[in-house]
């Protein structure tokens, strides 16, 4: 995801500039995705410098975004809570619960029941026709 990054700049305390080696159409989507790279508070990196905060970050977050990590259960999901110290406009939702379902077959069943809002990757193409035929679901594809 970061292979096309030439360098980073921090012209002030509130700004991070990422300079790319070339145009990358999906770069902003990668940065905004749940599994994409994250900007980490440098004080956390200093405090947990021994392993570059890797152990700490397995169960904690260290960003300055609109939400904080309230709880985390590996392989099951996590809960985000509105960050009272967020520098921008307060997010609409006070909490967001994100479930993790690693099994794609279970994801498909949950999607069809209405218990899951989206399948973001790894969708089985063999099931595409049945989902497209379901009036309660929609399929969006992106290059």
Foldseek 3Di string as FASTA:
>chain_A
DCPQFPDWDDPDPVDIDTDGNDDDPCPVVQAPDPPHDDDFDVVCLVVVVVPSCPVVVVWFGGHQDQWGWPGDDPQFWTKTAGDPRRPDDHDPDRMDTDTHDPDQVVVVVCVVVVNDDDDDDDHDPVCVVVQVVDPVHDDDDDD
